[in-house]
PDB file of N, CA and C in Angstrom:
ATOM      1  N   MET A   1      94.482 -65.799 -31.192  1.00  0.00           N
ATOM      2  CA  MET A   1      94.867 -65.265 -29.899  1.00  0.00           C
ATOM      3  C   MET A   1      93.584 -64.824 -29.181  1.00  0.00           C
ATOM      4  N   PRO A   2      93.445 -65.201 -27.915  1.00  0.00           N
ATOM      5  CA  PRO A   2      92.248 -64.796 -27.164  1.00  0.00           C
ATOM      6  C   PRO A   2      92.247 -63.284 -26.902  1.00  0.00           C
ATOM      7  N   PRO A   3      91.057 -62.728 -26.698  1.00  0.00           N
ATOM      8  CA  PRO A   3      90.970 -61.285 -26.426  1.00  0.00           C
ATOM      9  C   PRO A   3      91.737 -60.902 -25.160  1.00  0.00           C
ATOM     10  N   THR A   4      92.378 -59.752 -25.213  1.00  0.00           N
ATOM     11  CA  THR A   4      93.108 -59.224 -24.057  1.00  0.00           C
ATOM     12  C   THR A   4      92.150 -58.448 -23.163  1.00  0.00           C
ATOM     13  N   GLN A   5      92.635 -58.042 -22.024  1.00  0.00           N
ATOM     14  CA  GLN A   5      91.841 -57.196 -21.139  1.00  0.00           C
ATOM     15  C   GLN A   5      91.513 -55.873 -21.831  1.00  0.00           C
ATOM     16  N   GLU A   6      92.459 -55.355 -22.610  1.00  0.00           N
ATOM     17  CA  GLU A   6      92.210 -54.123 -23.355  1.00  0.00           C
ATOM     18  C   GLU A   6      91.106 -54.331 -24.390  1.00  0.00           C
ATOM     19  N   ASP A   7      91.104 -55.508 -25.035  1.00  0.00           N
ATOM     20  CA  ASP A   7      90.031 -55.817 -25.984  1.00  0.00           C
ATOM     21  C   ASP A   7      88.678 -55.799 -25.288  1.00  0.00           C
ATOM     22  N   ARG A   8      88.618 -56.375 -24.103  1.00  0.00           N
ATOM     23  CA  ARG A   8      87.358 -56.418 -23.351  1.00  0.00           C
ATOM     24  C   ARG A   8      86.904 -55.011 -22.964  1.00  0.00           C
ATOM     25  N   LEU A   9      87.842 -54.204 -22.515  1.00  0.00           N
ATOM     26  CA  LEU A   9      87.510 -52.820 -22.164  1.00  0.00           C
ATOM     27  C   LEU A   9      87.029 -52.048 -23.391  1.00  0.00           C
ATOM     28  N   ARG A  10      87.684 -52.270 -24.506  1.00  0.00           N
ATOM     29  CA  ARG A  10      87.287 -51.623 -25.757  1.00  0.00           C
ATOM     30  C   ARG A  10      85.880 -52.079 -26.174  1.00  0.00           C
ATOM     31  N   ASP A  11      85.598 -53.370 -26.018  1.00  0.00           N
ATOM     32  CA  ASP A  11      84.259 -53.876 -26.333  1.00  0.00           C
ATOM     33  C   ASP A  11      83.199 -53.175 -25.485  1.00  0.00           C
ATOM     34  N   ILE A  12      83.502 -52.994 -24.207  1.00  0.00           N
ATOM     35  CA  ILE A  12      82.576 -52.295 -23.304  1.00  0.00           C
ATOM     36  C   ILE A  12      82.352 -50.872 -23.785  1.00  0.00           C
ATOM     37  N   LEU A  13      83.437 -50.175 -24.072  1.00  0.00           N
ATOM     38  CA  LEU A  13      83.326 -48.769 -24.491  1.00  0.00           C
ATOM     39  C   LEU A  13      82.606 -48.619 -25.828  1.00  0.00           C
ATOM     40  N   GLU A  14      82.883 -49.503 -26.769  1.00  0.00           N
ATOM     41  CA  GLU A  14      82.215 -49.415 -28.070  1.00  0.00           C
ATOM     42  C   GLU A  14      80.722 -49.695 -27.949  1.00  0.00           C
ATOM     43  N   ALA A  15      80.356 -50.690 -27.164  1.00  0.00           N
ATOM     44  CA  ALA A  15      78.932 -51.009 -26.985  1.00  0.00           C
ATOM     45  C   ALA A  15      78.210 -49.852 -26.288  1.00  0.00           C
ATOM     46  N   ILE A  16      78.839 -49.274 -25.284  1.00  0.00           N
ATOM     47  CA  ILE A  16      78.226 -48.141 -24.595  1.00  0.00           C
ATOM     48  C   ILE A  16      78.080 -46.961 -25.546  1.00  0.00           C
ATOM     49  N   ALA A  17      79.094 -46.708 -26.371  1.00  0.00           N
ATOM     50  CA  ALA A  17      79.004 -45.599 -27.346  1.00  0.00           C
ATOM     51  C   ALA A  17      77.839 -45.828 -28.312  1.00  0.00           C
ATOM     52  N   ASP A  18      77.644 -47.065 -28.734  1.00  0.00           N
ATOM     53  CA  ASP A  18      76.525 -47.362 -29.634  1.00  0.00           C
ATOM     54  C   ASP A  18      75.183 -47.146 -28.929  1.00  0.00           C
ATOM     55  N   ILE A  19      75.097 -47.550 -27.681  1.00  0.00           N
ATOM     56  CA  ILE A  19      73.869 -47.335 -26.905  1.00  0.00           C
ATOM     57  C   ILE A  19      73.613 -45.839 -26.747  1.00  0.00           C
ATOM     58  N   GLU A  20      74.647 -45.091 -26.429  1.00  0.00           N
ATOM     59  CA  GLU A  20      74.496 -43.636 -26.289  1.00  0.00           C
ATOM     60  C   GLU A  20      74.017 -43.013 -27.600  1.00  0.00           C
ATOM     61  N   ALA A  21      74.560 -43.473 -28.722  1.00  0.00           N
ATOM     62  CA  ALA A  21      74.153 -42.927 -30.022  1.00  0.00           C
ATOM     63  C   ALA A  21      72.675 -43.219 -30.301  1.00  0.00           C
ATOM     64  N   LEU A  22      72.216 -44.382 -29.878  1.00  0.00           N
ATOM     65  CA  LEU A  22      70.805 -44.737 -30.081  1.00  0.00           C
ATOM     66  C   LEU A  22      69.859 -43.887 -29.244  1.00  0.00           C
ATOM     67  N   TRP A  23      70.275 -43.572 -28.004  1.00  0.00           N
ATOM     68  CA  TRP A  23      69.317 -43.021 -27.045  1.00  0.00           C
ATOM     69  C   TRP A  23      69.618 -41.630 -26.538  1.00  0.00           C
ATOM     70  N   ASP A  24      70.652 -40.989 -27.058  1.00  0.00           N
ATOM     71  CA  ASP A  24      70.929 -39.617 -26.654  1.00  0.00           C
ATOM     72  C   ASP A  24      69.727 -38.736 -26.987  1.00  0.00           C
ATOM     73  N   GLN A  25      69.317 -37.939 -26.052  1.00  0.00           N
ATOM     74  CA  GLN A  25      68.186 -37.017 -26.225  1.00  0.00           C
ATOM     75  C   GLN A  25      66.859 -37.744 -26.452  1.00  0.00           C
ATOM     76  N   ARG A  26      66.775 -39.003 -26.019  1.00  0.00           N
ATOM     77  CA  ARG A  26      65.534 -39.764 -26.150  1.00  0.00           C
ATOM     78  C   ARG A  26      64.934 -39.980 -24.767  1.00  0.00           C
ATOM     79  N   THR A  27      63.702 -40.418 -24.743  1.00  0.00           N
ATOM     80  CA  THR A  27      62.977 -40.613 -23.487  1.00  0.00           C
ATOM     81  C   THR A  27      62.609 -42.077 -23.300  1.00  0.00           C
ATOM     82  N   LEU A  28      62.119 -42.394 -22.100  1.00  0.00           N
ATOM     83  CA  LEU A  28      61.610 -43.736 -21.832  1.00  0.00           C
ATOM     84  C   LEU A  28      60.489 -44.084 -22.811  1.00  0.00           C
ATOM     85  N   ALA A  29      59.650 -43.115 -23.135  1.00  0.00           N
ATOM     86  CA  ALA A  29      58.564 -43.370 -24.098  1.00  0.00           C
ATOM     87  C   ALA A  29      59.132 -43.761 -25.467  1.00  0.00           C
ATOM     88  N   ASP A  30      60.205 -43.088 -25.897  1.00  0.00           N
ATOM     89  CA  ASP A  30      60.868 -43.454 -27.158  1.00  0.00           C
ATOM     90  C   ASP A  30      61.401 -44.883 -27.071  1.00  0.00           C
ATOM     91  N   PHE A  31      62.047 -45.181 -25.964  1.00  0.00           N
ATOM     92  CA  PHE A  31      62.632 -46.497 -25.745  1.00  0.00           C
ATOM     93  C   PHE A  31      61.546 -47.569 -25.767  1.00  0.00           C
ATOM     94  N   THR A  32      60.473 -47.323 -25.090  1.00  0.00           N
ATOM     95  CA  THR A  32      59.376 -48.288 -24.991  1.00  0.00           C
ATOM     96  C   THR A  32      58.728 -48.537 -26.353  1.00  0.00           C
ATOM     97  N   SER A  33      58.612 -47.496 -27.145  1.00  0.00           N
ATOM     98  CA  SER A  33      57.885 -47.618 -28.414  1.00  0.00           C
ATOM     99  C   SER A  33      58.721 -48.158 -29.571  1.00  0.00           C
ATOM    100  N   ASN A  34      60.033 -48.235 -29.426  1.00  0.00           N
ATOM    101  CA  ASN A  34      60.888 -48.664 -30.536  1.00  0.00           C
ATOM    102  C   ASN A  34      61.473 -50.045 -30.234  1.00  0.00           C
ATOM    103  N   ARG A  35      60.710 -51.062 -30.562  1.00  0.00           N
ATOM    104  CA  ARG A  35      61.084 -52.438 -30.221  1.00  0.00           C
ATOM    105  C   ARG A  35      62.421 -52.855 -30.847  1.00  0.00           C
ATOM    106  N   ILE A  36      62.640 -52.534 -32.101  1.00  0.00           N
ATOM    107  CA  ILE A  36      63.869 -52.953 -32.778  1.00  0.00           C
ATOM    108  C   ILE A  36      65.093 -52.294 -32.132  1.00  0.00           C
ATOM    109  N   ALA A  37      65.032 -51.010 -31.885  1.00  0.00           N
ATOM    110  CA  ALA A  37      66.160 -50.318 -31.242  1.00  0.00           C
ATOM    111  C   ALA A  37      66.336 -50.810 -29.805  1.00  0.00           C
ATOM    112  N   ARG A  38      65.246 -51.134 -29.142  1.00  0.00           N
ATOM    113  CA  ARG A  38      65.338 -51.671 -27.782  1.00  0.00           C
ATOM    114  C   ARG A  38      66.040 -53.030 -27.809  1.00  0.00           C
ATOM    115  N   MET A  39      65.700 -53.857 -28.792  1.00  0.00           N
ATOM    116  CA  MET A  39      66.352 -55.162 -28.914  1.00  0.00           C
ATOM    117  C   MET A  39      67.842 -54.995 -29.236  1.00  0.00           C
ATOM    118  N   ALA A  40      68.166 -54.016 -30.064  1.00  0.00           N
ATOM    119  CA  ALA A  40      69.579 -53.735 -30.359  1.00  0.00           C
ATOM    120  C   ALA A  40      70.303 -53.319 -29.084  1.00  0.00           C
ATOM    121  N   THR A  41      69.639 -52.517 -28.286  1.00  0.00           N
ATOM    122  CA  THR A  41      70.222 -52.083 -27.009  1.00  0.00           C
ATOM    123  C   THR A  41      70.470 -53.277 -26.101  1.00  0.00           C
ATOM    124  N   GLU A  42      69.515 -54.176 -26.039  1.00  0.00           N
ATOM    125  CA  GLU A  42      69.691 -55.368 -25.201  1.00  0.00           C
ATOM    126  C   GLU A  42      70.864 -56.206 -25.690  1.00  0.00           C
ATOM    127  N   ARG A  43      71.045 -56.309 -26.997  1.00  0.00           N
ATOM    128  CA  ARG A  43      72.199 -57.048 -27.533  1.00  0.00           C
ATOM    129  C   ARG A  43      73.501 -56.350 -27.156  1.00  0.00           C
ATOM    130  N   LEU A  44      73.523 -55.037 -27.273  1.00  0.00           N
ATOM    131  CA  LEU A  44      74.725 -54.295 -26.878  1.00  0.00           C
ATOM    132  C   LEU A  44      75.004 -54.462 -25.388  1.00  0.00           C
ATOM    133  N   LEU A  45      73.955 -54.499 -24.581  1.00  0.00           N
ATOM    134  CA  LEU A  45      74.138 -54.743 -23.142  1.00  0.00           C
ATOM    135  C   LEU A  45      74.662 -56.149 -22.883  1.00  0.00           C
ATOM    136  N   GLU A  46      74.254 -57.113 -23.700  1.00  0.00           N
ATOM    137  CA  GLU A  46      74.822 -58.461 -23.578  1.00  0.00           C
ATOM    138  C   GLU A  46      76.335 -58.410 -23.779  1.00  0.00           C
ATOM    139  N   ILE A  47      76.764 -57.653 -24.767  1.00  0.00           N
ATOM    140  CA  ILE A  47      78.204 -57.512 -25.029  1.00  0.00           C
ATOM    141  C   ILE A  47      78.890 -56.879 -23.826  1.00  0.00           C
ATOM    142  N   VAL A  48      78.298 -55.820 -23.289  1.00  0.00           N
ATOM    143  CA  VAL A  48      78.858 -55.162 -22.099  1.00  0.00           C
ATOM    144  C   VAL A  48      78.964 -56.160 -20.952  1.00  0.00           C
ATOM    145  N   CYS A  49      77.922 -56.928 -20.730  1.00  0.00           N
ATOM    146  CA  CYS A  49      77.908 -57.879 -19.613  1.00  0.00           C
ATOM    147  C   CYS A  49      78.940 -58.981 -19.817  1.00  0.00           C
ATOM    148  N   GLU A  50      79.021 -59.513 -21.037  1.00  0.00           N
ATOM    149  CA  GLU A  50      79.974 -60.590 -21.307  1.00  0.00           C
ATOM    150  C   GLU A  50      81.413 -60.091 -21.197  1.00  0.00           C
ATOM    151  N   ALA A  51      81.679 -58.932 -21.761  1.00  0.00           N
ATOM    152  CA  ALA A  51      83.033 -58.380 -21.669  1.00  0.00           C
ATOM    153  C   ALA A  51      83.392 -58.083 -20.214  1.00  0.00           C
ATOM    154  N   SER A  52      82.432 -57.596 -19.442  1.00  0.00           N
ATOM    155  CA  SER A  52      82.665 -57.324 -18.015  1.00  0.00           C
ATOM    156  C   SER A  52      82.968 -58.612 -17.262  1.00  0.00           C
ATOM    157  N   ARG A  53      82.237 -59.649 -17.601  1.00  0.00           N
ATOM    158  CA  ARG A  53      82.440 -60.949 -16.957  1.00  0.00           C
ATOM    159  C   ARG A  53      83.845 -61.475 -17.198  1.00  0.00           C
ATOM    160  N   ARG A  54      84.393 -61.157 -18.356  1.00  0.00           N
ATOM    161  CA  ARG A  54      85.717 -61.654 -18.739  1.00  0.00           C
ATOM    162  C   ARG A  54      86.880 -60.779 -18.266  1.00  0.00           C
ATOM    163  N   LEU A  55      86.578 -59.664 -17.615  1.00  0.00           N
ATOM    164  CA  LEU A  55      87.660 -58.867 -17.033  1.00  0.00           C
ATOM    165  C   LEU A  55      88.268 -59.619 -15.859  1.00  0.00           C
ATOM    166  N   SER A  56      89.530 -59.393 -15.634  1.00  0.00           N
ATOM    167  CA  SER A  56      90.209 -60.076 -14.525  1.00  0.00           C
ATOM    168  C   SER A  56      89.668 -59.606 -13.178  1.00  0.00           C
ATOM    169  N   ASP A  57      89.798 -60.471 -12.182  1.00  0.00           N
ATOM    170  CA  ASP A  57      89.382 -60.103 -10.826  1.00  0.00           C
ATOM    171  C   ASP A  57      90.165 -58.895 -10.331  1.00  0.00           C
ATOM    172  N   GLU A  58      91.416 -58.803 -10.735  1.00  0.00           N
ATOM    173  CA  GLU A  58      92.257 -57.668 -10.327  1.00  0.00           C
ATOM    174  C   GLU A  58      91.691 -56.345 -10.848  1.00  0.00           C
ATOM    175  N   ILE A  59      91.299 -56.328 -12.103  1.00  0.00           N
ATOM    176  CA  ILE A  59      90.721 -55.108 -12.674  1.00  0.00           C
ATOM    177  C   ILE A  59      89.411 -54.771 -11.971  1.00  0.00           C
ATOM    178  N   LYS A  60      88.561 -55.779 -11.784  1.00  0.00           N
ATOM    179  CA  LYS A  60      87.270 -55.536 -11.138  1.00  0.00           C
ATOM    180  C   LYS A  60      87.449 -55.064  -9.692  1.00  0.00           C
ATOM    181  N   ALA A  61      88.473 -55.566  -9.017  1.00  0.00           N
ATOM    182  CA  ALA A  61      88.714 -55.164  -7.624  1.00  0.00           C
ATOM    183  C   ALA A  61      89.068 -53.685  -7.521  1.00  0.00           C
ATOM    184  N   SER A  62      89.553 -53.106  -8.620  1.00  0.00           N
ATOM    185  CA  SER A  62      89.915 -51.686  -8.590  1.00  0.00           C
ATOM    186  C   SER A  62      88.675 -50.787  -8.641  1.00  0.00           C
ATOM    187  N   ALA A  63      87.498 -51.384  -8.827  1.00  0.00           N
ATOM    188  CA  ALA A  63      86.251 -50.603  -8.881  1.00  0.00           C
ATOM    189  C   ALA A  63      85.180 -51.282  -8.032  1.00  0.00           C
ATOM    190  N   PRO A  64      85.355 -51.248  -6.705  1.00  0.00           N
ATOM    191  CA  PRO A  64      84.372 -51.911  -5.838  1.00  0.00           C
ATOM    192  C   PRO A  64      82.994 -51.242  -5.863  1.00  0.00           C
ATOM    193  N   GLU A  65      82.930 -50.016  -6.387  1.00  0.00           N
ATOM    194  CA  GLU A  65      81.643 -49.327  -6.479  1.00  0.00           C
ATOM    195  C   GLU A  65      80.747 -49.914  -7.577  1.00  0.00           C
ATOM    196  N   ILE A  66      81.326 -50.710  -8.461  1.00  0.00           N
ATOM    197  CA  ILE A  66      80.551 -51.356  -9.523  1.00  0.00           C
ATOM    198  C   ILE A  66      80.120 -52.732  -9.038  1.00  0.00           C
ATOM    199  N   ASP A  67      78.858 -53.014  -9.183  1.00  0.00           N
ATOM    200  CA  ASP A  67      78.306 -54.304  -8.760  1.00  0.00           C
ATOM    201  C   ASP A  67      78.491 -55.312  -9.899  1.00  0.00           C
ATOM    202  N   TRP A  68      79.667 -55.916  -9.947  1.00  0.00           N
ATOM    203  CA  TRP A  68      80.026 -56.824 -11.025  1.00  0.00           C
ATOM    204  C   TRP A  68      79.098 -58.031 -11.085  1.00  0.00           C
ATOM    205  N   ARG A  69      78.703 -58.543  -9.928  1.00  0.00           N
ATOM    206  CA  ARG A  69      77.807 -59.704  -9.896  1.00  0.00           C
ATOM    207  C   ARG A  69      76.475 -59.377 -10.581  1.00  0.00           C
ATOM    208  N   THR A  70      75.954 -58.202 -10.334  1.00  0.00           N
ATOM    209  CA  THR A  70      74.687 -57.809 -10.944  1.00  0.00           C
ATOM    210  C   THR A  70      74.835 -57.678 -12.459  1.00  0.00           C
ATOM    211  N   ILE A  71      75.973 -57.176 -12.921  1.00  0.00           N
ATOM    212  CA  ILE A  71      76.223 -57.075 -14.361  1.00  0.00           C
ATOM    213  C   ILE A  71      76.204 -58.464 -14.981  1.00  0.00           C
ATOM    214  N   ILE A  72      76.903 -59.388 -14.372  1.00  0.00           N
ATOM    215  CA  ILE A  72      76.961 -60.760 -14.886  1.00  0.00           C
ATOM    216  C   ILE A  72      75.573 -61.395 -14.872  1.00  0.00           C
ATOM    217  N   ASP A  73      74.863 -61.224 -13.771  1.00  0.00           N
ATOM    218  CA  ASP A  73      73.518 -61.797 -13.658  1.00  0.00           C
ATOM    219  C   ASP A  73      72.577 -61.203 -14.698  1.00  0.00           C
ATOM    220  N   PHE A  74      72.680 -59.909 -14.946  1.00  0.00           N
ATOM    221  CA  PHE A  74      71.825 -59.278 -15.940  1.00  0.00           C
ATOM    222  C   PHE A  74      72.129 -59.823 -17.337  1.00  0.00           C
ATOM    223  N   GLY A  75      73.385 -60.065 -17.615  1.00  0.00           N
ATOM    224  CA  GLY A  75      73.748 -60.679 -18.896  1.00  0.00           C
ATOM    225  C   GLY A  75      73.086 -62.036 -19.060  1.00  0.00           C
ATOM    226  N   ASN A  76      73.024 -62.807 -17.979  1.00  0.00           N
ATOM    227  CA  ASN A  76      72.350 -64.107 -18.031  1.00  0.00           C
ATOM    228  C   ASN A  76      70.863 -63.949 -18.306  1.00  0.00           C
ATOM    229  N   VAL A  77      70.242 -62.945 -17.718  1.00  0.00           N
ATOM    230  CA  VAL A  77      68.822 -62.682 -17.984  1.00  0.00           C
ATOM    231  C   VAL A  77      68.630 -62.346 -19.462  1.00  0.00           C
ATOM    232  N   LEU A  78      69.485 -61.483 -19.995  1.00  0.00           N
ATOM    233  CA  LEU A  78      69.363 -61.090 -21.398  1.00  0.00           C
ATOM    234  C   LEU A  78      69.517 -62.292 -22.332  1.00  0.00           C
ATOM    235  N   ARG A  79      70.407 -63.210 -21.976  1.00  0.00           N
ATOM    236  CA  ARG A  79      70.653 -64.370 -22.830  1.00  0.00           C
ATOM    237  C   ARG A  79      69.604 -65.462 -22.676  1.00  0.00           C
ATOM    238  N   HIS A  80      69.151 -65.686 -21.441  1.00  0.00           N
ATOM    239  CA  HIS A  80      68.349 -66.878 -21.182  1.00  0.00           C
ATOM    240  C   HIS A  80      66.909 -66.615 -20.774  1.00  0.00           C
ATOM    241  N   ALA A  81      66.638 -65.457 -20.228  1.00  0.00           N
ATOM    242  CA  ALA A  81      65.274 -65.144 -19.774  1.00  0.00           C
ATOM    243  C   ALA A  81      64.801 -63.849 -20.421  1.00  0.00           C
ATOM    244  N   TYR A  82      65.140 -63.711 -21.691  1.00  0.00           N
ATOM    245  CA  TYR A  82      64.894 -62.452 -22.405  1.00  0.00           C
ATOM    246  C   TYR A  82      63.431 -62.029 -22.392  1.00  0.00           C
ATOM    247  N   ARG A  83      62.518 -62.964 -22.278  1.00  0.00           N
ATOM    248  CA  ARG A  83      61.097 -62.601 -22.214  1.00  0.00           C
ATOM    249  C   ARG A  83      60.738 -61.922 -20.892  1.00  0.00           C
ATOM    250  N   ALA A  84      61.606 -62.092 -19.907  1.00  0.00           N
ATOM    251  CA  ALA A  84      61.353 -61.503 -18.584  1.00  0.00           C
ATOM    252  C   ALA A  84      62.001 -60.130 -18.422  1.00  0.00           C
ATOM    253  N   THR A  85      62.669 -59.645 -19.464  1.00  0.00           N
ATOM    254  CA  THR A  85      63.346 -58.359 -19.377  1.00  0.00           C
ATOM    255  C   THR A  85      62.316 -57.233 -19.306  1.00  0.00           C
ATOM    256  N   ARG A  86      62.444 -56.427 -18.274  1.00  0.00           N
ATOM    257  CA  ARG A  86      61.535 -55.291 -18.082  1.00  0.00           C
ATOM    258  C   ARG A  86      62.108 -54.049 -18.755  1.00  0.00           C
ATOM    259  N   THR A  87      61.301 -53.425 -19.590  1.00  0.00           N
ATOM    260  CA  THR A  87      61.729 -52.250 -20.350  1.00  0.00           C
ATOM    261  C   THR A  87      62.253 -51.144 -19.443  1.00  0.00           C
ATOM    262  N   GLU A  88      61.545 -50.872 -18.346  1.00  0.00           N
ATOM    263  CA  GLU A  88      61.961 -49.792 -17.443  1.00  0.00           C
ATOM    264  C   GLU A  88      63.303 -50.095 -16.787  1.00  0.00           C
ATOM    265  N   LEU A  89      63.562 -51.363 -16.491  1.00  0.00           N
ATOM    266  CA  LEU A  89      64.842 -51.746 -15.893  1.00  0.00           C
ATOM    267  C   LEU A  89      65.979 -51.517 -16.882  1.00  0.00           C
ATOM    268  N   VAL A  90      65.770 -51.924 -18.117  1.00  0.00           N
ATOM    269  CA  VAL A  90      66.817 -51.723 -19.133  1.00  0.00           C
ATOM    270  C   VAL A  90      67.086 -50.235 -19.319  1.00  0.00           C
ATOM    271  N   TRP A  91      66.036 -49.442 -19.381  1.00  0.00           N
ATOM    272  CA  TRP A  91      66.198 -47.989 -19.527  1.00  0.00           C
ATOM    273  C   TRP A  91      66.975 -47.414 -18.346  1.00  0.00           C
ATOM    274  N   ASP A  92      66.660 -47.859 -17.147  1.00  0.00           N
ATOM    275  CA  ASP A  92      67.359 -47.381 -15.958  1.00  0.00           C
ATOM    276  C   ASP A  92      68.841 -47.744 -16.010  1.00  0.00           C
ATOM    277  N   ILE A  93      69.151 -48.929 -16.473  1.00  0.00           N
ATOM    278  CA  ILE A  93      70.553 -49.338 -16.612  1.00  0.00           C
ATOM    279  C   ILE A  93      71.256 -48.431 -17.618  1.00  0.00           C
ATOM    280  N   VAL A  94      70.610 -48.189 -18.750  1.00  0.00           N
ATOM    281  CA  VAL A  94      71.193 -47.327 -19.787  1.00  0.00           C
ATOM    282  C   VAL A  94      71.477 -45.941 -19.236  1.00  0.00           C
ATOM    283  N   ARG A  95      70.544 -45.384 -18.513  1.00  0.00           N
ATOM    284  CA  ARG A  95      70.677 -44.013 -18.018  1.00  0.00           C
ATOM    285  C   ARG A  95      71.502 -43.891 -16.737  1.00  0.00           C
ATOM    286  N   SER A  96      71.401 -44.858 -15.843  1.00  0.00           N
ATOM    287  CA  SER A  96      72.002 -44.707 -14.513  1.00  0.00           C
ATOM    288  C   SER A  96      73.289 -45.485 -14.307  1.00  0.00           C
ATOM    289  N   ASP A  97      73.383 -46.670 -14.885  1.00  0.00           N
ATOM    290  CA  ASP A  97      74.514 -47.544 -14.578  1.00  0.00           C
ATOM    291  C   ASP A  97      75.643 -47.476 -15.603  1.00  0.00           C
ATOM    292  N   LEU A  98      75.298 -47.295 -16.856  1.00  0.00           N
ATOM    293  CA  LEU A  98      76.347 -47.291 -17.878  1.00  0.00           C
ATOM    294  C   LEU A  98      77.360 -46.159 -17.730  1.00  0.00           C
ATOM    295  N   PRO A  99      76.960 -44.959 -17.304  1.00  0.00           N
ATOM    296  CA  PRO A  99      77.976 -43.902 -17.165  1.00  0.00           C
ATOM    297  C   PRO A  99      79.111 -44.271 -16.204  1.00  0.00           C
ATOM    298  N   THR A 100      78.787 -44.952 -15.113  1.00  0.00           N
ATOM    299  CA  THR A 100      79.823 -45.368 -14.160  1.00  0.00           C
ATOM    300  C   THR A 100      80.747 -46.399 -14.786  1.00  0.00           C
ATOM    301  N   LEU A 101      80.168 -47.365 -15.481  1.00  0.00           N
ATOM    302  CA  LEU A 101      80.975 -48.390 -16.133  1.00  0.00           C
ATOM    303  C   LEU A 101      81.832 -47.790 -17.237  1.00  0.00           C
ATOM    304  N   LYS A 102      81.275 -46.850 -17.971  1.00  0.00           N
ATOM    305  CA  LYS A 102      82.032 -46.172 -19.028  1.00  0.00           C
ATOM    306  C   LYS A 102      83.227 -45.426 -18.445  1.00  0.00           C
ATOM    307  N   ALA A 103      83.010 -44.675 -17.383  1.00  0.00           N
ATOM    308  CA  ALA A 103      84.105 -43.929 -16.750  1.00  0.00           C
ATOM    309  C   ALA A 103      85.197 -44.879 -16.265  1.00  0.00           C
ATOM    310  N   PHE A 104      84.792 -45.999 -15.687  1.00  0.00           N
ATOM    311  CA  PHE A 104      85.754 -47.006 -15.232  1.00  0.00           C
ATOM    312  C   PHE A 104      86.581 -47.528 -16.405  1.00  0.00           C
ATOM    313  N   ALA A 105      85.916 -47.917 -17.496  1.00  0.00           N
ATOM    314  CA  ALA A 105      86.615 -48.490 -18.646  1.00  0.00           C
ATOM    315  C   ALA A 105      87.546 -47.462 -19.288  1.00  0.00           C
ATOM    316  N   GLU A 106      87.086 -46.217 -19.375  1.00  0.00           N
ATOM    317  CA  GLU A 106      87.948 -45.165 -19.926  1.00  0.00           C
ATOM    318  C   GLU A 106      89.191 -44.974 -19.064  1.00  0.00           C
ATOM    319  N   LYS A 107      89.014 -44.977 -17.753  1.00  0.00           N
ATOM    320  CA  LYS A 107      90.154 -44.820 -16.844  1.00  0.00           C
ATOM    321  C   LYS A 107      91.130 -45.985 -16.996  1.00  0.00           C
ATOM    322  N   GLN A 108      90.606 -47.190 -17.083  1.00  0.00           N
ATOM    323  CA  GLN A 108      91.464 -48.361 -17.261  1.00  0.00           C
ATOM    324  C   GLN A 108      92.252 -48.268 -18.573  1.00  0.00           C
ATOM    325  N   MET A 109      91.592 -47.836 -19.627  1.00  0.00           N
ATOM    326  CA  MET A 109      92.279 -47.714 -20.915  1.00  0.00           C
ATOM    327  C   MET A 109      93.373 -46.645 -20.862  1.00  0.00           C
ATOM    328  N   ARG A 110      93.083 -45.519 -20.198  1.00  0.00           N
ATOM    329  CA  ARG A 110      94.107 -44.465 -20.045  1.00  0.00           C
ATOM    330  C   ARG A 110      95.309 -44.999 -19.262  1.00  0.00           C
ATOM    331  N   GLN A 111      95.046 -45.720 -18.193  1.00  0.00           N
ATOM    332  CA  GLN A 111      96.131 -46.270 -17.377  1.00  0.00           C
ATOM    333  C   GLN A 111      96.974 -47.259 -18.180  1.00  0.00           C
ATOM    334  N   ARG A 112      96.345 -48.026 -19.011  1.00  0.00           N
ATOM    335  CA  ARG A 112      97.044 -49.036 -19.793  1.00  0.00           C
ATOM    336  C   ARG A 112      97.855 -48.415 -20.938  1.00  0.00           C
ATOM    337  N   SER A 113      97.390 -47.255 -21.418  1.00  0.00           N
ATOM    338  CA  SER A 113      98.119 -46.611 -22.506  1.00  0.00           C
ATOM    339  C   SER A 113      99.188 -45.652 -21.978  1.00  0.00           C
ATOM    340  N   GLY A 114      99.165 -45.431 -20.652  1.00  0.00           N
ATOM    341  CA  GLY A 114     100.152 -44.540 -20.054  1.00  0.00           C
ATOM    342  C   GLY A 114      99.829 -43.076 -20.201  1.00  0.00           C
ATOM    343  N   SER A 115      98.604 -42.743 -20.608  1.00  0.00           N
ATOM    344  CA  SER A 115      98.221 -41.328 -20.791  1.00  0.00           C
ATOM    345  C   SER A 115      97.699 -40.748 -19.525  1.00  0.00           C
TER     346      SER A 115
END
C-alpha cells in the first residue's frame, strides 16, 4: 500500500525531531565543524523535502505561507547538486524554516486525528 498523507506528515515530523535532537543548543560553528552530523542533517532534510513534495495540493494550499516550491527545489539540490550545498544555508533552514513546517505538520495531524 502506498504511503498515505498521514504517513508523509509523520515522516516530516520524525525527520524534524531527529534534526532538532542533533542540533538543539548547538551553534553554526558546531554545525560547520561536524561533517558527519551535517551530512545526516542533509539526509533528514531530503526526507522532509520528498515527503513535502508528495503531500496533496489540497493540503499544501492550506498553508500558503510555506514556500512549497522552494522546499521541492532544495530537495533536488540535496539529491543532485550536493557539492553545491552551502553550510550556512542548511543551518538557516534548520533554524528558521523547519519550525514553520513542523507547526503545519502538527496541525494537520491534529486535524486528521480529530483532536
